[in-house]
Amino acid sequence: MKLDLRAGDILHITRACSVQFGVPIFFRLIRVLDLQTYCGWVWLDGYELDSAGDATRRREIFVRVEGIRRMAMPGRSTPAQRSQPVDREITRRVGLRGVPR
């Protein structure tokens, strides 16, 4: 399996990745570590996330590539989900609180 992970990806890490993840976690990837491992396994550096998508602690985990599932956190918008880009000109004129300067 080709590993195509990028910094910032949200991963769902379950027992399919390793027996130590009997209780699944969400994991925000920082980087794939360049360490020699067994075929089909990889070291990942990142943050374990809580149910709100906030980082709770930094971890390095050793997982099977085939078990990794890329996810989007519920309640968090991704660039593709945002309805309209922010109009920078209006933001400069009006200010952050919507009060004209």
Foldseek 3Di string as FASTA:
>chain_A
DDDDDDQQWWKWDACQWPVVRPPIWIWGFHDWDPDDDPPQKTKTWTFTADLVRDGDDTDIDITGRVRIDTDDRPPDDDPVRDDDDDDVVCCVQQPDVRHGD
